[in-house]
Structures are given as C-alpha cells and as structure tokens.
Protein backbone atom coordinates (compact mmCIF):
# COMPACT_ATOMS: atom_id res chain seq x y z
CA MET A 1 -9.46 -25.93 -18.65
CA ALA A 2 -7.10 -22.99 -18.05
CA ASP A 3 -7.63 -20.75 -15.07
CA GLN A 4 -9.69 -17.84 -16.41
CA LYS A 5 -8.58 -15.57 -13.57
CA ALA A 6 -4.97 -15.86 -14.73
CA ASP A 7 -6.00 -14.51 -18.13
CA LEU A 8 -7.49 -11.31 -16.68
CA PRO A 9 -5.33 -8.24 -16.04
CA PRO A 10 -5.00 -7.10 -12.41
CA ARG A 11 -7.73 -4.81 -11.20
CA LEU A 12 -6.28 -1.30 -10.99
CA LEU A 13 -7.69 1.55 -8.92
CA ARG A 14 -7.04 5.26 -9.28
CA THR A 15 -5.89 7.12 -6.16
CA PRO A 16 -9.34 8.18 -4.85
CA ASP A 17 -10.69 4.63 -5.14
CA ALA A 18 -7.53 3.15 -3.63
CA ALA A 19 -7.79 5.51 -0.65
CA ARG A 20 -11.44 4.55 -0.19
CA PHE A 21 -10.51 0.85 -0.44
CA LEU A 22 -7.92 1.31 2.36
CA GLY A 23 -10.18 3.52 4.47
CA ILE A 24 -7.76 6.45 4.49
CA SER A 25 -7.99 9.92 3.02
CA LEU A 26 -6.90 10.72 -0.50
CA ARG A 27 -4.33 13.20 0.85
CA THR A 28 -2.86 10.60 3.23
CA LEU A 29 -2.39 8.14 0.37
CA GLU A 30 -0.74 10.88 -1.71
CA LYS A 31 1.62 11.65 1.19
CA HIS A 32 2.49 7.96 1.52
CA ARG A 33 3.39 7.93 -2.16
CA THR A 34 5.55 11.04 -1.76
CA TYR A 35 7.46 9.67 1.24
CA GLY A 36 7.73 6.11 -0.06
CA THR A 37 5.86 4.66 2.92
CA GLY A 38 2.77 3.52 1.05
CA PRO A 39 1.70 0.67 -1.16
CA VAL A 40 3.32 -0.11 -4.50
CA TYR A 41 1.83 1.94 -7.31
CA ARG A 42 2.13 2.19 -11.08
CA LYS A 43 2.26 5.17 -13.41
CA ILE A 44 0.52 4.51 -16.67
CA GLY A 45 0.36 7.39 -19.11
CA GLY A 46 0.84 9.90 -16.31
CA ARG A 47 -1.89 8.32 -14.18
CA VAL A 48 -1.20 6.74 -10.83
CA VAL A 49 -2.94 3.40 -10.30
CA TYR A 50 -2.83 0.73 -7.60
CA ALA A 51 -3.38 -3.01 -7.96
CA ILE A 52 -5.82 -4.35 -5.39
CA GLU A 53 -3.32 -7.10 -4.51
CA ASP A 54 -0.70 -4.44 -3.67
CA LEU A 55 -3.14 -2.53 -1.48
CA GLN A 56 -4.05 -5.71 0.38
CA ALA A 57 -0.39 -6.69 0.82
CA TRP A 58 0.53 -3.25 2.18
CA SER A 59 -2.35 -3.20 4.65
CA ALA A 60 -1.52 -6.76 5.77
CA ILE A 61 1.88 -5.55 6.99
CA GLY A 62 0.15 -4.03 10.01
CA ALA A 63 -2.04 -7.05 10.81
CA ARG A 64 -2.02 -8.09 14.46
CA LYS A 65 -3.90 -10.39 16.79
CA SER A 66 -2.87 -8.69 20.02
CA THR A 67 -1.32 -5.46 21.23
CA ARG A 68 1.52 -7.63 22.59
CA ASP A 69 2.47 -9.05 19.18
CA THR A 70 6.19 -8.46 18.79
CA ASP A 71 7.00 -10.21 15.53
CA VAL A 72 4.85 -8.07 13.24
CA GLY A 73 5.44 -5.54 10.53
CA ARG A 74 4.87 -1.84 10.87
CA VAL A 75 2.97 0.48 8.58
CA PHE A 76 4.69 3.81 9.03
CA PRO A 77 2.83 7.12 9.12
CA ALA A 78 2.78 9.27 6.01
CA ARG A 79 5.89 11.32 6.77
CA ARG A 80 9.59 11.33 6.07
CA LEU A 81 11.22 8.36 7.82
CA THR A 82 14.16 8.69 10.16
CA PRO A 83 17.37 6.79 9.31
CA THR A 84 16.54 4.30 12.08
CA GLU A 85 13.07 3.66 10.66
CA ARG A 86 14.60 3.16 7.22
CA GLY A 87 16.91 0.52 8.70
CA GLU A 88 20.07 2.62 8.46
CA ARG A 89 22.56 2.97 11.28
C-alpha cells in the first residue's frame, strides 16, 4: 500500500498562523521575510504561505543542549545582516 502521507500536499500556513506556530510576533516574522533571515516561504497568488516543515527546519537551526555548544547554527535577529554575518569578507 502506498504511503498516504506522500499523496497529501504540504500543510501551508499564512503569516499570522506561522508566527503563532513559531511563538513570535507577526511583525517579527514579516521583518525576517524582508531581511532574508527567516524561514523559507512561498508566494501563491500574492499570498505568503509557509510550509510547516520549513518552519520546523528554520527553528531547528537554533537548537542547543547547552550554552557552551559551539558547533551549532545561529538564528539571526530580524534585521539587516552585516557582511560578516552573511559570510562575506
């Protein structure tokens, strides 16, 4: 029997629901989108939507077990990044 989950489209959330899912404000998520520091999003017919998998992947970047973890990703604040933060020299 085929996997029924594979036949379903990804669950998409509009910006207010995506912000609620992440536990951040709507305005913060909008700023992340503007600065390119947020989760992957899609524009469908002029509407911005987020796949739950993309929201989970973006939030997982900042996952840590200890404050001393050194080999972890960083979720940047919702602002314009410096060249160093962008990985430029």
